[in-house]
Amino acid sequence: MDEHKKKMIAPAVITAIFLIYLIAYIVLLARFADIWLIFLAVPLVILGAAMVVTLRGRIKEIRSGEEDDLDNY
């Protein structure tokens, strides 16, 4: 397996797990909460979108060959 693909697996898996958790939480919130509490889910949706944007940025960094600062230590 290509070294770049190995580095992409962990961020993608963590993002998928996080998004599944957020979706489950939002569904439970919508199911058991009053209508005004559903608006509390808006920050969670924004958080999920930010996680996806961060994943896209990380994949772009990996493909371009930029190394993490932590790899230098």
PDB file of N, CA and C in Angstrom:
ATOM      1  N   MET A   1       0.849  -1.173   0.000  1.00  0.00           N
ATOM      2  CA  MET A   1       0.000   0.000   0.000  1.00  0.00           C
ATOM      3  C   MET A   1       0.896   1.238   0.000  1.00  0.00           C
ATOM      4  N   ASP A   2       0.509   2.219  -0.759  1.00  0.00           N
ATOM      5  CA  ASP A   2       1.252   3.463  -0.859  1.00  0.00           C
ATOM      6  C   ASP A   2       1.321   4.156   0.501  1.00  0.00           C
ATOM      7  N   GLU A   3       2.450   4.789   0.786  1.00  0.00           N
ATOM      8  CA  GLU A   3       2.637   5.447   2.085  1.00  0.00           C
ATOM      9  C   GLU A   3       1.612   6.558   2.301  1.00  0.00           C
ATOM     10  N   HIS A   4       1.262   7.266   1.228  1.00  0.00           N
ATOM     11  CA  HIS A   4       0.288   8.342   1.361  1.00  0.00           C
ATOM     12  C   HIS A   4      -1.097   7.793   1.726  1.00  0.00           C
ATOM     13  N   LYS A   5      -1.442   6.650   1.165  1.00  0.00           N
ATOM     14  CA  LYS A   5      -2.750   6.062   1.469  1.00  0.00           C
ATOM     15  C   LYS A   5      -2.810   5.581   2.912  1.00  0.00           C
ATOM     16  N   LYS A   6      -1.695   5.086   3.427  1.00  0.00           N
ATOM     17  CA  LYS A   6      -1.661   4.657   4.825  1.00  0.00           C
ATOM     18  C   LYS A   6      -1.906   5.835   5.751  1.00  0.00           C
ATOM     19  N   LYS A   7      -1.361   6.993   5.405  1.00  0.00           N
ATOM     20  CA  LYS A   7      -1.529   8.176   6.247  1.00  0.00           C
ATOM     21  C   LYS A   7      -2.936   8.749   6.158  1.00  0.00           C
ATOM     22  N   MET A   8      -3.663   8.413   5.105  1.00  0.00           N
ATOM     23  CA  MET A   8      -5.024   8.929   4.941  1.00  0.00           C
ATOM     24  C   MET A   8      -6.066   8.087   5.669  1.00  0.00           C
ATOM     25  N   ILE A   9      -5.730   6.868   6.034  1.00  0.00           N
ATOM     26  CA  ILE A   9      -6.715   5.965   6.638  1.00  0.00           C
ATOM     27  C   ILE A   9      -7.167   6.460   8.010  1.00  0.00           C
ATOM     28  N   ALA A  10      -6.238   6.797   8.877  1.00  0.00           N
ATOM     29  CA  ALA A  10      -6.597   7.189  10.246  1.00  0.00           C
ATOM     30  C   ALA A  10      -7.486   8.434  10.292  1.00  0.00           C
ATOM     31  N   PRO A  11      -7.135   9.524   9.592  1.00  0.00           N
ATOM     32  CA  PRO A  11      -8.039  10.684   9.646  1.00  0.00           C
ATOM     33  C   PRO A  11      -9.433  10.380   9.086  1.00  0.00           C
ATOM     34  N   ALA A  12      -9.500   9.569   8.041  1.00  0.00           N
ATOM     35  CA  ALA A  12     -10.797   9.235   7.451  1.00  0.00           C
ATOM     36  C   ALA A  12     -11.634   8.389   8.402  1.00  0.00           C
ATOM     37  N   VAL A  13     -11.013   7.442   9.084  1.00  0.00           N
ATOM     38  CA  VAL A  13     -11.740   6.588  10.022  1.00  0.00           C
ATOM     39  C   VAL A  13     -12.234   7.404  11.217  1.00  0.00           C
ATOM     40  N   ILE A  14     -11.370   8.252  11.758  1.00  0.00           N
ATOM     41  CA  ILE A  14     -11.758   9.081  12.896  1.00  0.00           C
ATOM     42  C   ILE A  14     -12.900  10.017  12.509  1.00  0.00           C
ATOM     43  N   THR A  15     -12.827  10.606  11.325  1.00  0.00           N
ATOM     44  CA  THR A  15     -13.899  11.493  10.859  1.00  0.00           C
ATOM     45  C   THR A  15     -15.206  10.719  10.696  1.00  0.00           C
ATOM     46  N   ALA A  16     -15.143   9.524  10.134  1.00  0.00           N
ATOM     47  CA  ALA A  16     -16.355   8.721   9.948  1.00  0.00           C
ATOM     48  C   ALA A  16     -16.982   8.360  11.290  1.00  0.00           C
ATOM     49  N   ILE A  17     -16.169   7.944  12.253  1.00  0.00           N
ATOM     50  CA  ILE A  17     -16.692   7.596  13.578  1.00  0.00           C
ATOM     51  C   ILE A  17     -17.327   8.822  14.236  1.00  0.00           C
ATOM     52  N   PHE A  18     -16.652   9.964  14.136  1.00  0.00           N
ATOM     53  CA  PHE A  18     -17.159  11.187  14.729  1.00  0.00           C
ATOM     54  C   PHE A  18     -18.484  11.603  14.098  1.00  0.00           C
ATOM     55  N   LEU A  19     -18.588  11.500  12.773  1.00  0.00           N
ATOM     56  CA  LEU A  19     -19.823  11.876  12.089  1.00  0.00           C
ATOM     57  C   LEU A  19     -20.967  10.927  12.429  1.00  0.00           C
ATOM     58  N   ILE A  20     -20.683   9.646  12.564  1.00  0.00           N
ATOM     59  CA  ILE A  20     -21.715   8.684  12.958  1.00  0.00           C
ATOM     60  C   ILE A  20     -22.215   9.015  14.359  1.00  0.00           C
ATOM     61  N   TYR A  21     -21.288   9.344  15.252  1.00  0.00           N
ATOM     62  CA  TYR A  21     -21.662   9.734  16.612  1.00  0.00           C
ATOM     63  C   TYR A  21     -22.534  10.990  16.598  1.00  0.00           C
ATOM     64  N   LEU A  22     -22.136  11.993  15.829  1.00  0.00           N
ATOM     65  CA  LEU A  22     -22.920  13.228  15.768  1.00  0.00           C
ATOM     66  C   LEU A  22     -24.309  12.991  15.193  1.00  0.00           C
ATOM     67  N   ILE A  23     -24.394  12.204  14.144  1.00  0.00           N
ATOM     68  CA  ILE A  23     -25.695  11.921  13.533  1.00  0.00           C
ATOM     69  C   ILE A  23     -26.603  11.180  14.517  1.00  0.00           C
ATOM     70  N   ALA A  24     -26.051  10.210  15.224  1.00  0.00           N
ATOM     71  CA  ALA A  24     -26.845   9.480  16.214  1.00  0.00           C
ATOM     72  C   ALA A  24     -27.320  10.409  17.324  1.00  0.00           C
ATOM     73  N   TYR A  25     -26.461  11.300  17.767  1.00  0.00           N
ATOM     74  CA  TYR A  25     -26.828  12.243  18.822  1.00  0.00           C
ATOM     75  C   TYR A  25     -27.916  13.199  18.348  1.00  0.00           C
ATOM     76  N   ILE A  26     -27.785  13.688  17.139  1.00  0.00           N
ATOM     77  CA  ILE A  26     -28.795  14.603  16.594  1.00  0.00           C
ATOM     78  C   ILE A  26     -30.135  13.893  16.428  1.00  0.00           C
ATOM     79  N   VAL A  27     -30.124  12.647  15.976  1.00  0.00           N
ATOM     80  CA  VAL A  27     -31.365  11.885  15.819  1.00  0.00           C
ATOM     81  C   VAL A  27     -32.029  11.677  17.175  1.00  0.00           C
ATOM     82  N   LEU A  28     -31.240  11.311  18.178  1.00  0.00           N
ATOM     83  CA  LEU A  28     -31.809  11.130  19.512  1.00  0.00           C
ATOM     84  C   LEU A  28     -32.337  12.449  20.073  1.00  0.00           C
ATOM     85  N   LEU A  29     -31.613  13.512  19.819  1.00  0.00           N
ATOM     86  CA  LEU A  29     -32.048  14.824  20.276  1.00  0.00           C
ATOM     87  C   LEU A  29     -33.371  15.210  19.621  1.00  0.00           C
ATOM     88  N   ALA A  30     -33.497  14.965  18.340  1.00  0.00           N
ATOM     89  CA  ALA A  30     -34.721  15.303  17.611  1.00  0.00           C
ATOM     90  C   ALA A  30     -35.882  14.398  18.027  1.00  0.00           C
ATOM     91  N   ARG A  31     -35.566  13.189  18.400  1.00  0.00           N
ATOM     92  CA  ARG A  31     -36.616  12.240  18.738  1.00  0.00           C
ATOM     93  C   ARG A  31     -37.218  12.487  20.119  1.00  0.00           C
ATOM     94  N   PHE A  32     -36.374  12.846  21.069  1.00  0.00           N
ATOM     95  CA  PHE A  32     -36.839  12.952  22.448  1.00  0.00           C
ATOM     96  C   PHE A  32     -36.943  14.374  22.978  1.00  0.00           C
ATOM     97  N   ALA A  33     -36.583  15.357  22.185  1.00  0.00           N
ATOM     98  CA  ALA A  33     -36.565  16.733  22.672  1.00  0.00           C
ATOM     99  C   ALA A  33     -37.754  17.512  22.124  1.00  0.00           C
ATOM    100  N   ASP A  34     -38.020  18.615  22.773  1.00  0.00           N
ATOM    101  CA  ASP A  34     -39.022  19.535  22.254  1.00  0.00           C
ATOM    102  C   ASP A  34     -38.466  20.208  21.002  1.00  0.00           C
ATOM    103  N   ILE A  35     -39.338  20.865  20.281  1.00  0.00           N
ATOM    104  CA  ILE A  35     -38.936  21.474  19.008  1.00  0.00           C
ATOM    105  C   ILE A  35     -37.860  22.531  19.195  1.00  0.00           C
ATOM    106  N   TRP A  36     -37.887  23.271  20.289  1.00  0.00           N
ATOM    107  CA  TRP A  36     -36.889  24.331  20.472  1.00  0.00           C
ATOM    108  C   TRP A  36     -35.518  23.753  20.774  1.00  0.00           C
ATOM    109  N   LEU A  37     -35.470  22.537  21.290  1.00  0.00           N
ATOM    110  CA  LEU A  37     -34.174  21.914  21.563  1.00  0.00           C
ATOM    111  C   LEU A  37     -33.485  21.411  20.294  1.00  0.00           C
ATOM    112  N   ILE A  38     -34.268  21.267  19.232  1.00  0.00           N
ATOM    113  CA  ILE A  38     -33.673  20.841  17.961  1.00  0.00           C
ATOM    114  C   ILE A  38     -32.680  21.883  17.468  1.00  0.00           C
ATOM    115  N   PHE A  39     -32.938  23.154  17.803  1.00  0.00           N
ATOM    116  CA  PHE A  39     -32.006  24.202  17.392  1.00  0.00           C
ATOM    117  C   PHE A  39     -30.648  24.071  18.071  1.00  0.00           C
ATOM    118  N   LEU A  40     -30.574  23.286  19.104  1.00  0.00           N
ATOM    119  CA  LEU A  40     -29.277  23.009  19.726  1.00  0.00           C
ATOM    120  C   LEU A  40     -28.427  22.104  18.826  1.00  0.00           C
ATOM    121  N   ALA A  41     -29.072  21.457  17.878  1.00  0.00           N
ATOM    122  CA  ALA A  41     -28.341  20.577  16.974  1.00  0.00           C
ATOM    123  C   ALA A  41     -27.576  21.358  15.903  1.00  0.00           C
ATOM    124  N   VAL A  42     -27.929  22.612  15.700  1.00  0.00           N
ATOM    125  CA  VAL A  42     -27.260  23.420  14.669  1.00  0.00           C
ATOM    126  C   VAL A  42     -25.751  23.515  14.913  1.00  0.00           C
ATOM    127  N   PRO A  43     -25.284  23.794  16.130  1.00  0.00           N
ATOM    128  CA  PRO A  43     -23.824  23.803  16.333  1.00  0.00           C
ATOM    129  C   PRO A  43     -23.176  22.445  16.064  1.00  0.00           C
ATOM    130  N   LEU A  44     -23.926  21.373  16.314  1.00  0.00           N
ATOM    131  CA  LEU A  44     -23.380  20.043  16.035  1.00  0.00           C
ATOM    132  C   LEU A  44     -23.230  19.807  14.534  1.00  0.00           C
ATOM    133  N   VAL A  45     -24.173  20.303  13.766  1.00  0.00           N
ATOM    134  CA  VAL A  45     -24.069  20.185  12.310  1.00  0.00           C
ATOM    135  C   VAL A  45     -22.879  21.000  11.802  1.00  0.00           C
ATOM    136  N   ILE A  46     -22.698  22.178  12.354  1.00  0.00           N
ATOM    137  CA  ILE A  46     -21.549  23.010  11.974  1.00  0.00           C
ATOM    138  C   ILE A  46     -20.245  22.313  12.358  1.00  0.00           C
ATOM    139  N   LEU A  47     -20.220  21.673  13.515  1.00  0.00           N
ATOM    140  CA  LEU A  47     -19.039  20.938  13.950  1.00  0.00           C
ATOM    141  C   LEU A  47     -18.728  19.784  13.000  1.00  0.00           C
ATOM    142  N   GLY A  48     -19.757  19.088  12.567  1.00  0.00           N
ATOM    143  CA  GLY A  48     -19.561  17.994  11.606  1.00  0.00           C
ATOM    144  C   GLY A  48     -19.033  18.503  10.274  1.00  0.00           C
ATOM    145  N   ALA A  49     -19.552  19.635   9.810  1.00  0.00           N
ATOM    146  CA  ALA A  49     -19.065  20.215   8.555  1.00  0.00           C
ATOM    147  C   ALA A  49     -17.611  20.654   8.697  1.00  0.00           C
ATOM    148  N   ALA A  50     -17.268  21.211   9.843  1.00  0.00           N
ATOM    149  CA  ALA A  50     -15.881  21.620  10.080  1.00  0.00           C
ATOM    150  C   ALA A  50     -14.953  20.409  10.089  1.00  0.00           C
ATOM    151  N   MET A  51     -15.429  19.308  10.623  1.00  0.00           N
ATOM    152  CA  MET A  51     -14.619  18.076  10.644  1.00  0.00           C
ATOM    153  C   MET A  51     -14.353  17.589   9.224  1.00  0.00           C
ATOM    154  N   VAL A  52     -15.351  17.665   8.361  1.00  0.00           N
ATOM    155  CA  VAL A  52     -15.176  17.229   6.966  1.00  0.00           C
ATOM    156  C   VAL A  52     -14.205  18.162   6.238  1.00  0.00           C
ATOM    157  N   VAL A  53     -14.320  19.471   6.472  1.00  0.00           N
ATOM    158  CA  VAL A  53     -13.407  20.432   5.845  1.00  0.00           C
ATOM    159  C   VAL A  53     -11.973  20.182   6.310  1.00  0.00           C
ATOM    160  N   THR A  54     -11.811  19.893   7.593  1.00  0.00           N
ATOM    161  CA  THR A  54     -10.488  19.598   8.130  1.00  0.00           C
ATOM    162  C   THR A  54      -9.927  18.325   7.507  1.00  0.00           C
ATOM    163  N   LEU A  55     -10.762  17.319   7.329  1.00  0.00           N
ATOM    164  CA  LEU A  55     -10.318  16.073   6.689  1.00  0.00           C
ATOM    165  C   LEU A  55      -9.863  16.344   5.257  1.00  0.00           C
ATOM    166  N   ARG A  56     -10.623  17.148   4.532  1.00  0.00           N
ATOM    167  CA  ARG A  56     -10.229  17.467   3.150  1.00  0.00           C
ATOM    168  C   ARG A  56      -8.882  18.186   3.123  1.00  0.00           C
ATOM    169  N   GLY A  57      -8.670  19.100   4.070  1.00  0.00           N
ATOM    170  CA  GLY A  57      -7.389  19.800   4.148  1.00  0.00           C
ATOM    171  C   GLY A  57      -6.251  18.861   4.474  1.00  0.00           C
ATOM    172  N   ARG A  58      -6.490  17.922   5.388  1.00  0.00           N
ATOM    173  CA  ARG A  58      -5.451  16.951   5.764  1.00  0.00           C
ATOM    174  C   ARG A  58      -5.110  16.035   4.590  1.00  0.00           C
ATOM    175  N   ILE A  59      -6.111  15.593   3.858  1.00  0.00           N
ATOM    176  CA  ILE A  59      -5.849  14.739   2.692  1.00  0.00           C
ATOM    177  C   ILE A  59      -5.056  15.511   1.645  1.00  0.00           C
ATOM    178  N   LYS A  60      -5.388  16.778   1.464  1.00  0.00           N
ATOM    179  CA  LYS A  60      -4.642  17.616   0.522  1.00  0.00           C
ATOM    180  C   LYS A  60      -3.182  17.751   0.960  1.00  0.00           C
ATOM    181  N   GLU A  61      -2.938  17.933   2.256  1.00  0.00           N
ATOM    182  CA  GLU A  61      -1.568  18.018   2.768  1.00  0.00           C
ATOM    183  C   GLU A  61      -0.809  16.715   2.533  1.00  0.00           C
ATOM    184  N   ILE A  62      -1.463  15.595   2.782  1.00  0.00           N
ATOM    185  CA  ILE A  62      -0.805  14.297   2.612  1.00  0.00           C
ATOM    186  C   ILE A  62      -0.460  14.068   1.147  1.00  0.00           C
ATOM    187  N   ARG A  63      -1.379  14.377   0.255  1.00  0.00           N
ATOM    188  CA  ARG A  63      -1.123  14.162  -1.174  1.00  0.00           C
ATOM    189  C   ARG A  63      -0.031  15.076  -1.716  1.00  0.00           C
ATOM    190  N   SER A  64       0.074  16.276  -1.160  1.00  0.00           N
ATOM    191  CA  SER A  64       1.102  17.199  -1.649  1.00  0.00           C
ATOM    192  C   SER A  64       2.472  16.877  -1.076  1.00  0.00           C
ATOM    193  N   GLY A  65       2.519  15.974  -0.102  1.00  0.00           N
ATOM    194  CA  GLY A  65       3.803  15.572   0.449  1.00  0.00           C
ATOM    195  C   GLY A  65       4.248  16.391   1.636  1.00  0.00           C
ATOM    196  N   GLU A  66       3.412  17.309   2.113  1.00  0.00           N
ATOM    197  CA  GLU A  66       3.779  18.078   3.293  1.00  0.00           C
ATOM    198  C   GLU A  66       3.780  17.151   4.492  1.00  0.00           C
ATOM    199  N   GLU A  67       4.859  17.210   5.247  1.00  0.00           N
ATOM    200  CA  GLU A  67       4.967  16.357   6.417  1.00  0.00           C
ATOM    201  C   GLU A  67       4.468  17.099   7.642  1.00  0.00           C
ATOM    202  N   ASP A  68       4.011  16.355   8.622  1.00  0.00           N
ATOM    203  CA  ASP A  68       3.613  16.951   9.885  1.00  0.00           C
ATOM    204  C   ASP A  68       4.821  17.508  10.592  1.00  0.00           C
ATOM    205  N   ASP A  69       4.604  18.545  11.379  1.00  0.00           N
ATOM    206  CA  ASP A  69       5.684  19.085  12.189  1.00  0.00           C
ATOM    207  C   ASP A  69       6.135  18.055  13.226  1.00  0.00           C
ATOM    208  N   LEU A  70       5.224  17.218  13.657  1.00  0.00           N
ATOM    209  CA  LEU A  70       5.555  16.221  14.660  1.00  0.00           C
ATOM    210  C   LEU A  70       6.496  15.145  14.114  1.00  0.00           C
ATOM    211  N   ASP A  71       6.504  14.946  12.806  1.00  0.00           N
ATOM    212  CA  ASP A  71       7.399  13.950  12.223  1.00  0.00           C
ATOM    213  C   ASP A  71       8.854  14.364  12.327  1.00  0.00           C
ATOM    214  N   ASN A  72       9.114  15.641  12.554  1.00  0.00           N
ATOM    215  CA  ASN A  72      10.489  16.129  12.629  1.00  0.00           C
ATOM    216  C   ASN A  72      11.121  15.870  13.991  1.00  0.00           C
ATOM    217  N   TYR A  73      10.343  15.434  14.961  1.00  0.00           N
ATOM    218  CA  TYR A  73      10.882  15.241  16.307  1.00  0.00           C
ATOM    219  C   TYR A  73      11.044  13.799  16.651  1.00  0.00           C
TER     220      TYR A  73
END
